[in-house]
Amino acid sequence: MKAETFLLKTFFVAAVLTCMLTLGAMVTTNPTHAAATLVASAR
């Protein structure tokens, strides 16, 4: 396996894992708690 192919596959896996973590965080976050935290940090 060439080094370029390995790097591309590694970047793809990293991107997929990042998307899965972000989606999981958005799905499992309590919206009212998140809104209160955003309002408190904006003041």
Protein backbone atom coordinates (compact mmCIF):
# COMPACT_ATOMS: atom_id res chain seq x y z
CA MET A 1 0.00 0.00 0.00
CA LYS A 2 1.39 3.36 -0.99
CA ALA A 3 1.93 6.05 1.62
CA GLU A 4 -0.50 8.42 -0.13
CA THR A 5 -3.30 5.86 -0.05
CA PHE A 6 -2.66 5.20 3.63
CA LEU A 7 -2.77 8.94 4.41
CA LEU A 8 -6.01 9.42 2.48
CA LYS A 9 -7.66 6.48 4.24
CA THR A 10 -6.46 7.78 7.60
CA PHE A 11 -7.86 11.26 6.92
CA PHE A 12 -11.16 9.73 5.80
CA VAL A 13 -11.45 7.67 8.98
CA ALA A 14 -10.60 10.72 11.09
CA ALA A 15 -13.26 12.78 9.30
CA VAL A 16 -15.91 10.08 9.75
CA LEU A 17 -15.10 9.72 13.45
CA THR A 18 -15.30 13.51 13.89
CA CYS A 19 -18.70 13.61 12.18
CA MET A 20 -19.97 10.72 14.31
CA LEU A 21 -18.80 12.37 17.54
CA THR A 22 -20.37 15.69 16.55
CA LEU A 23 -23.67 14.05 15.59
CA GLY A 24 -23.67 12.03 18.80
CA ALA A 25 -23.08 15.16 20.87
CA MET A 26 -25.91 17.00 19.10
CA VAL A 27 -28.34 14.09 19.56
CA THR A 28 -27.59 13.47 23.22
CA THR A 29 -27.38 17.10 24.41
CA ASN A 30 -30.26 18.39 26.50
CA PRO A 31 -31.53 21.47 24.56
CA THR A 32 -32.73 23.43 27.61
CA HIS A 33 -29.43 22.96 29.43
CA ALA A 34 -27.46 23.96 26.32
CA ALA A 35 -29.58 27.08 25.81
CA ALA A 36 -29.14 28.13 29.44
CA THR A 37 -25.39 27.63 29.18
CA LEU A 38 -25.21 29.72 26.01
CA VAL A 39 -27.26 32.53 27.55
CA ALA A 40 -25.14 32.50 30.70
CA SER A 41 -21.89 32.61 28.75
CA ALA A 42 -23.15 35.48 26.57
CA ARG A 43 -23.62 37.77 29.59
